[in-house]
């Protein structure tokens, strides 16, 4: 039997049905702010190289959460990525791929307001 991860983007929430018989699991940012757009960018890839797809979710507030693939989706991220700089739009876009051809999934994180001198 194949399993499918079906997502619905809501304002500040992402809903994933754990099965078609159970209600969906709702992920929300733990400390939302007025401008938080949790789930505004998503990427799927095997970020921990265990053979199971993982989910990267933008907080919309300068953070990216990584949820490792498990039989049931967790409410708490396994990793949180951020930068020292603020106001650069870190996490506004996410995409995954194997750009350096090393056989591992890479995650690209957009920060459109960063300058060339900033480490982001």
N, C-alpha and C. Protein backbone atom coordinates (compact mmCIF):
# COMPACT_ATOMS: atom_id res chain seq x y z
N UNK A 1 0.84 -1.18 0.00
CA UNK A 1 0.00 0.00 0.00
C UNK A 1 0.89 1.24 0.00
N UNK A 2 0.64 2.14 -0.90
CA UNK A 2 1.40 3.38 -0.97
C UNK A 2 0.81 4.40 0.00
N UNK A 3 1.69 5.19 0.59
CA UNK A 3 1.24 6.26 1.48
C UNK A 3 1.47 7.59 0.79
N UNK A 4 0.55 8.49 0.98
CA UNK A 4 0.66 9.81 0.38
C UNK A 4 0.62 10.85 1.49
N UNK A 5 1.45 11.86 1.36
CA UNK A 5 1.43 12.99 2.28
C UNK A 5 0.65 14.09 1.57
N UNK A 6 -0.50 14.40 2.11
CA UNK A 6 -1.38 15.40 1.51
C UNK A 6 -1.39 16.60 2.44
N UNK A 7 -1.08 17.75 1.91
CA UNK A 7 -1.03 18.94 2.75
C UNK A 7 -2.01 20.00 2.30
N UNK A 8 -2.48 20.75 3.24
CA UNK A 8 -3.37 21.87 2.97
C UNK A 8 -2.79 23.07 3.68
N UNK A 9 -2.47 24.11 2.93
CA UNK A 9 -1.90 25.32 3.51
C UNK A 9 -3.03 26.19 4.03
N UNK A 10 -2.97 26.50 5.30
CA UNK A 10 -3.95 27.36 5.95
C UNK A 10 -3.20 28.58 6.49
N UNK A 11 -3.91 29.56 6.94
CA UNK A 11 -3.25 30.74 7.49
C UNK A 11 -2.58 30.36 8.81
N UNK A 12 -1.26 30.30 8.79
CA UNK A 12 -0.51 29.99 9.99
C UNK A 12 -0.50 28.53 10.38
N UNK A 13 -1.13 27.65 9.63
CA UNK A 13 -1.18 26.23 9.95
C UNK A 13 -0.94 25.42 8.70
N UNK A 14 -0.47 24.19 8.89
CA UNK A 14 -0.43 23.22 7.80
C UNK A 14 -1.11 21.98 8.33
N UNK A 15 -2.10 21.47 7.61
CA UNK A 15 -2.84 20.29 8.04
C UNK A 15 -2.43 19.10 7.19
N UNK A 16 -2.09 17.99 7.83
CA UNK A 16 -1.72 16.77 7.14
C UNK A 16 -2.57 15.63 7.68
N UNK A 17 -3.40 15.00 6.86
CA UNK A 17 -4.12 13.83 7.35
C UNK A 17 -3.13 12.71 7.65
N UNK A 18 -3.20 12.14 8.86
CA UNK A 18 -2.34 11.01 9.20
C UNK A 18 -2.87 9.74 8.53
N UNK A 19 -4.14 9.67 8.37
CA UNK A 19 -4.78 8.62 7.58
C UNK A 19 -6.14 9.16 7.20
N UNK A 20 -6.83 8.47 6.34
CA UNK A 20 -8.12 8.98 5.92
C UNK A 20 -9.21 8.72 6.96
N UNK A 21 -8.92 7.91 7.98
CA UNK A 21 -9.88 7.66 9.05
C UNK A 21 -9.69 8.60 10.23
N UNK A 22 -8.49 9.18 10.36
CA UNK A 22 -8.18 10.03 11.51
C UNK A 22 -8.24 11.50 11.12
N UNK A 23 -8.51 12.38 12.10
CA UNK A 23 -8.47 13.81 11.80
C UNK A 23 -7.04 14.22 11.47
N UNK A 24 -6.86 15.34 10.76
CA UNK A 24 -5.51 15.74 10.35
C UNK A 24 -4.67 16.23 11.53
N UNK A 25 -3.38 16.09 11.36
CA UNK A 25 -2.42 16.66 12.30
C UNK A 25 -2.21 18.11 11.89
N UNK A 26 -2.35 19.03 12.82
CA UNK A 26 -2.18 20.45 12.52
C UNK A 26 -0.86 20.92 13.11
N UNK A 27 0.02 21.45 12.26
CA UNK A 27 1.27 22.04 12.72
C UNK A 27 1.08 23.54 12.80
N UNK A 28 1.44 24.12 13.92
CA UNK A 28 1.37 25.57 14.05
C UNK A 28 2.69 26.06 14.63
N UNK A 29 3.02 27.29 14.33
CA UNK A 29 4.24 27.86 14.91
C UNK A 29 4.01 28.00 16.41
N UNK A 30 5.00 27.62 17.21
CA UNK A 30 4.83 27.59 18.66
C UNK A 30 4.66 28.99 19.26
N UNK A 31 5.31 29.98 18.69
CA UNK A 31 5.20 31.34 19.19
C UNK A 31 4.84 32.28 18.04
N UNK A 32 3.60 32.22 17.56
CA UNK A 32 3.27 33.05 16.40
C UNK A 32 3.32 34.53 16.73
N UNK A 33 3.66 35.32 15.74
CA UNK A 33 3.63 36.76 15.87
C UNK A 33 2.66 37.30 14.84
N UNK A 34 2.37 38.57 14.93
CA UNK A 34 1.37 39.16 14.04
C UNK A 34 1.74 39.01 12.57
N UNK A 35 3.03 39.03 12.25
CA UNK A 35 3.44 38.93 10.85
C UNK A 35 3.90 37.52 10.46
N UNK A 36 3.73 36.56 11.35
CA UNK A 36 4.16 35.19 11.05
C UNK A 36 3.32 34.60 9.94
N UNK A 37 3.97 33.94 9.01
CA UNK A 37 3.29 33.28 7.89
C UNK A 37 3.79 31.83 7.84
N UNK A 38 3.59 31.11 8.92
CA UNK A 38 4.05 29.72 9.02
C UNK A 38 3.53 28.92 7.84
N UNK A 39 4.44 28.25 7.15
CA UNK A 39 4.05 27.44 6.00
C UNK A 39 4.02 28.20 4.70
N UNK A 40 4.52 29.44 4.69
CA UNK A 40 4.50 30.23 3.46
C UNK A 40 5.42 29.66 2.39
N UNK A 41 6.39 28.84 2.79
CA UNK A 41 7.26 28.13 1.85
C UNK A 41 7.50 26.73 2.39
N UNK A 42 7.49 25.75 1.49
CA UNK A 42 7.68 24.35 1.86
C UNK A 42 8.66 23.70 0.89
N UNK A 43 9.40 22.72 1.37
CA UNK A 43 10.27 21.91 0.50
C UNK A 43 10.32 20.50 1.07
N UNK A 44 10.36 19.52 0.20
CA UNK A 44 10.46 18.12 0.60
C UNK A 44 11.76 17.56 0.06
N UNK A 45 12.46 16.79 0.87
CA UNK A 45 13.70 16.14 0.46
C UNK A 45 14.21 15.28 1.60
N UNK A 46 15.14 14.42 1.32
CA UNK A 46 15.72 13.56 2.35
C UNK A 46 16.91 14.30 2.98
N UNK A 47 16.63 15.24 3.87
CA UNK A 47 17.65 16.12 4.42
C UNK A 47 18.59 15.44 5.40
N UNK A 48 18.17 14.34 6.03
CA UNK A 48 19.05 13.63 6.96
C UNK A 48 19.58 12.33 6.36
N UNK A 49 19.33 12.12 5.07
CA UNK A 49 19.89 11.00 4.30
C UNK A 49 19.56 9.63 4.88
N UNK A 50 18.30 9.46 5.37
CA UNK A 50 17.90 8.17 5.91
C UNK A 50 16.97 7.40 4.97
N UNK A 51 16.73 7.95 3.77
CA UNK A 51 15.88 7.28 2.79
C UNK A 51 14.41 7.62 2.89
N UNK A 52 14.03 8.47 3.85
CA UNK A 52 12.63 8.87 4.05
C UNK A 52 12.50 10.36 3.77
N UNK A 53 11.49 10.79 3.01
CA UNK A 53 11.32 12.22 2.75
C UNK A 53 11.09 13.02 4.03
N UNK A 54 11.71 14.18 4.11
CA UNK A 54 11.57 15.10 5.23
C UNK A 54 10.90 16.37 4.72
N UNK A 55 10.42 17.20 5.64
CA UNK A 55 9.69 18.41 5.28
C UNK A 55 10.36 19.63 5.88
N UNK A 56 10.67 20.63 5.04
CA UNK A 56 11.18 21.93 5.49
C UNK A 56 10.03 22.92 5.39
N UNK A 57 9.79 23.67 6.47
CA UNK A 57 8.67 24.61 6.55
C UNK A 57 9.20 25.97 6.99
N UNK A 58 8.87 27.01 6.24
CA UNK A 58 9.25 28.37 6.62
C UNK A 58 8.32 28.86 7.72
N UNK A 59 8.90 29.54 8.71
CA UNK A 59 8.07 30.14 9.75
C UNK A 59 7.46 31.45 9.25
N UNK A 60 8.04 32.01 8.18
CA UNK A 60 7.61 33.33 7.72
C UNK A 60 8.16 34.41 8.63
N UNK A 61 9.01 34.03 9.56
CA UNK A 61 9.54 34.95 10.56
C UNK A 61 11.02 34.66 10.81
N UNK A 62 11.80 34.54 9.69
CA UNK A 62 13.25 34.37 9.75
C UNK A 62 13.72 33.02 10.30
N UNK A 63 12.88 31.99 10.25
CA UNK A 63 13.29 30.65 10.68
C UNK A 63 12.75 29.62 9.70
N UNK A 64 13.45 28.48 9.62
CA UNK A 64 13.01 27.34 8.82
C UNK A 64 13.04 26.12 9.73
N UNK A 65 11.94 25.39 9.77
CA UNK A 65 11.84 24.19 10.60
C UNK A 65 11.98 22.96 9.71
N UNK A 66 12.75 21.96 10.18
CA UNK A 66 12.91 20.70 9.47
C UNK A 66 12.24 19.61 10.30
N UNK A 67 11.29 18.91 9.68
CA UNK A 67 10.61 17.78 10.29
C UNK A 67 11.08 16.53 9.58
N UNK A 68 11.76 15.62 10.29
CA UNK A 68 12.24 14.39 9.69
C UNK A 68 11.07 13.44 9.45
N UNK A 69 11.12 12.73 8.32
CA UNK A 69 10.07 11.79 7.98
C UNK A 69 10.00 10.64 8.98
N UNK A 70 8.82 10.37 9.45
CA UNK A 70 8.53 9.29 10.39
C UNK A 70 7.19 8.68 9.98
N UNK A 71 6.82 7.53 10.54
CA UNK A 71 5.50 6.96 10.22
C UNK A 71 4.36 7.93 10.52
N UNK A 72 4.50 8.74 11.58
CA UNK A 72 3.52 9.79 11.86
C UNK A 72 4.29 11.11 11.97
N UNK A 73 3.72 12.17 11.45
CA UNK A 73 4.38 13.47 11.45
C UNK A 73 4.43 14.03 12.87
N UNK A 74 5.55 14.61 13.24
CA UNK A 74 5.74 15.15 14.58
C UNK A 74 5.25 16.58 14.66
N UNK A 75 4.92 17.01 15.85
CA UNK A 75 4.50 18.39 16.08
C UNK A 75 5.69 19.31 16.36
N UNK A 76 6.81 18.75 16.77
CA UNK A 76 8.00 19.52 17.10
C UNK A 76 9.06 19.29 16.04
N UNK A 77 9.66 20.35 15.50
CA UNK A 77 10.68 20.16 14.46
C UNK A 77 11.94 19.50 15.02
N UNK A 78 12.61 18.73 14.17
CA UNK A 78 13.88 18.12 14.55
C UNK A 78 15.02 19.12 14.50
N UNK A 79 14.93 20.10 13.61
CA UNK A 79 15.95 21.14 13.49
C UNK A 79 15.28 22.47 13.22
N UNK A 80 15.88 23.53 13.70
CA UNK A 80 15.44 24.88 13.41
C UNK A 80 16.63 25.64 12.85
N UNK A 81 16.46 26.20 11.66
CA UNK A 81 17.52 26.96 11.01
C UNK A 81 17.18 28.44 11.08
N UNK A 82 18.17 29.26 11.36
CA UNK A 82 17.97 30.71 11.40
C UNK A 82 19.29 31.38 11.05
N UNK A 83 19.29 32.69 11.06
CA UNK A 83 20.49 33.47 10.77
C UNK A 83 20.61 34.59 11.79
N UNK A 84 21.80 35.12 11.93
CA UNK A 84 22.01 36.23 12.87
C UNK A 84 21.35 37.51 12.35
N UNK A 85 21.22 37.63 11.06
CA UNK A 85 20.65 38.83 10.46
C UNK A 85 19.12 38.80 10.57
N UNK A 86 18.51 39.97 10.70
CA UNK A 86 17.05 40.06 10.73
C UNK A 86 16.59 40.95 9.58
N UNK A 87 15.35 40.79 9.21
CA UNK A 87 14.77 41.62 8.17
C UNK A 87 15.25 41.31 6.77
N UNK A 88 15.81 40.11 6.55
CA UNK A 88 16.33 39.76 5.22
C UNK A 88 15.41 38.79 4.48
N UNK A 89 14.30 38.42 5.11
CA UNK A 89 13.37 37.50 4.45
C UNK A 89 13.86 36.06 4.45
N UNK A 90 14.71 35.69 5.42
CA UNK A 90 15.25 34.34 5.49
C UNK A 90 14.10 33.33 5.55
N UNK A 91 14.09 32.40 4.63
CA UNK A 91 13.05 31.38 4.58
C UNK A 91 11.87 31.74 3.70
N UNK A 92 11.95 32.87 3.01
CA UNK A 92 10.81 33.29 2.17
C UNK A 92 10.61 32.36 0.98
N UNK A 93 11.64 31.63 0.60
CA UNK A 93 11.54 30.62 -0.46
C UNK A 93 12.39 29.43 -0.07
N UNK A 94 11.90 28.23 -0.36
CA UNK A 94 12.62 26.99 -0.08
C UNK A 94 12.55 26.09 -1.30
N UNK A 95 13.62 25.42 -1.59
CA UNK A 95 13.61 24.40 -2.64
C UNK A 95 14.69 23.38 -2.32
N UNK A 96 14.51 22.18 -2.82
CA UNK A 96 15.49 21.13 -2.55
C UNK A 96 15.92 20.47 -3.85
N UNK A 97 17.10 19.89 -3.83
CA UNK A 97 17.65 19.20 -4.99
C UNK A 97 19.06 18.75 -4.66
N UNK A 98 19.68 18.04 -5.58
CA UNK A 98 21.06 17.59 -5.39
C UNK A 98 21.94 18.39 -6.34
N UNK A 99 22.20 19.65 -6.00
CA UNK A 99 22.89 20.55 -6.90
C UNK A 99 24.38 20.25 -7.04
N UNK A 100 25.01 19.71 -6.02
CA UNK A 100 26.44 19.42 -6.12
C UNK A 100 26.71 17.96 -6.50
N UNK A 101 25.65 17.22 -6.80
CA UNK A 101 25.72 15.83 -7.30
C UNK A 101 26.52 14.91 -6.38
N UNK A 102 26.30 15.06 -5.07
CA UNK A 102 26.97 14.17 -4.12
C UNK A 102 26.05 13.06 -3.63
N UNK A 103 24.83 12.99 -4.17
CA UNK A 103 23.87 11.97 -3.77
C UNK A 103 23.06 12.32 -2.54
N UNK A 104 23.25 13.50 -1.99
CA UNK A 104 22.50 13.95 -0.81
C UNK A 104 21.65 15.15 -1.20
N UNK A 105 20.49 15.25 -0.56
CA UNK A 105 19.58 16.35 -0.84
C UNK A 105 20.10 17.64 -0.21
N UNK A 106 20.15 18.70 -1.01
CA UNK A 106 20.54 20.02 -0.55
C UNK A 106 19.28 20.86 -0.37
N UNK A 107 19.30 21.80 0.57
CA UNK A 107 18.19 22.71 0.81
C UNK A 107 18.65 24.13 0.53
N UNK A 108 17.98 24.81 -0.39
CA UNK A 108 18.27 26.22 -0.67
C UNK A 108 17.22 27.06 0.04
N UNK A 109 17.68 28.06 0.77
CA UNK A 109 16.79 28.92 1.56
C UNK A 109 16.93 30.34 1.03
N UNK A 110 15.82 30.92 0.61
CA UNK A 110 15.83 32.28 0.09
C UNK A 110 15.91 33.32 1.19
N UNK A 111 16.66 34.38 0.91
CA UNK A 111 16.77 35.55 1.79
C UNK A 111 16.92 36.75 0.87
N UNK A 112 15.84 37.19 0.22
CA UNK A 112 15.93 38.18 -0.84
C UNK A 112 16.43 39.56 -0.42
N UNK A 113 16.36 39.88 0.85
CA UNK A 113 16.80 41.21 1.30
C UNK A 113 18.24 41.20 1.81
N UNK A 114 18.92 40.05 1.74
CA UNK A 114 20.30 39.96 2.22
C UNK A 114 21.24 40.60 1.21
N UNK A 115 22.28 41.25 1.71
CA UNK A 115 23.30 41.80 0.82
C UNK A 115 24.39 40.75 0.64
N UNK A 116 25.28 40.96 -0.30
CA UNK A 116 26.37 40.01 -0.55
C UNK A 116 27.28 39.84 0.65
N UNK A 117 27.37 40.84 1.51
CA UNK A 117 28.29 40.78 2.65
C UNK A 117 27.70 40.04 3.84
N UNK A 118 26.38 39.78 3.83
CA UNK A 118 25.76 39.11 4.96
C UNK A 118 25.86 37.60 4.82
N UNK A 119 26.09 36.92 5.92
CA UNK A 119 26.20 35.46 5.96
C UNK A 119 24.80 34.88 6.16
N UNK A 120 24.14 34.48 5.08
CA UNK A 120 22.79 33.94 5.19
C UNK A 120 22.58 32.78 4.27
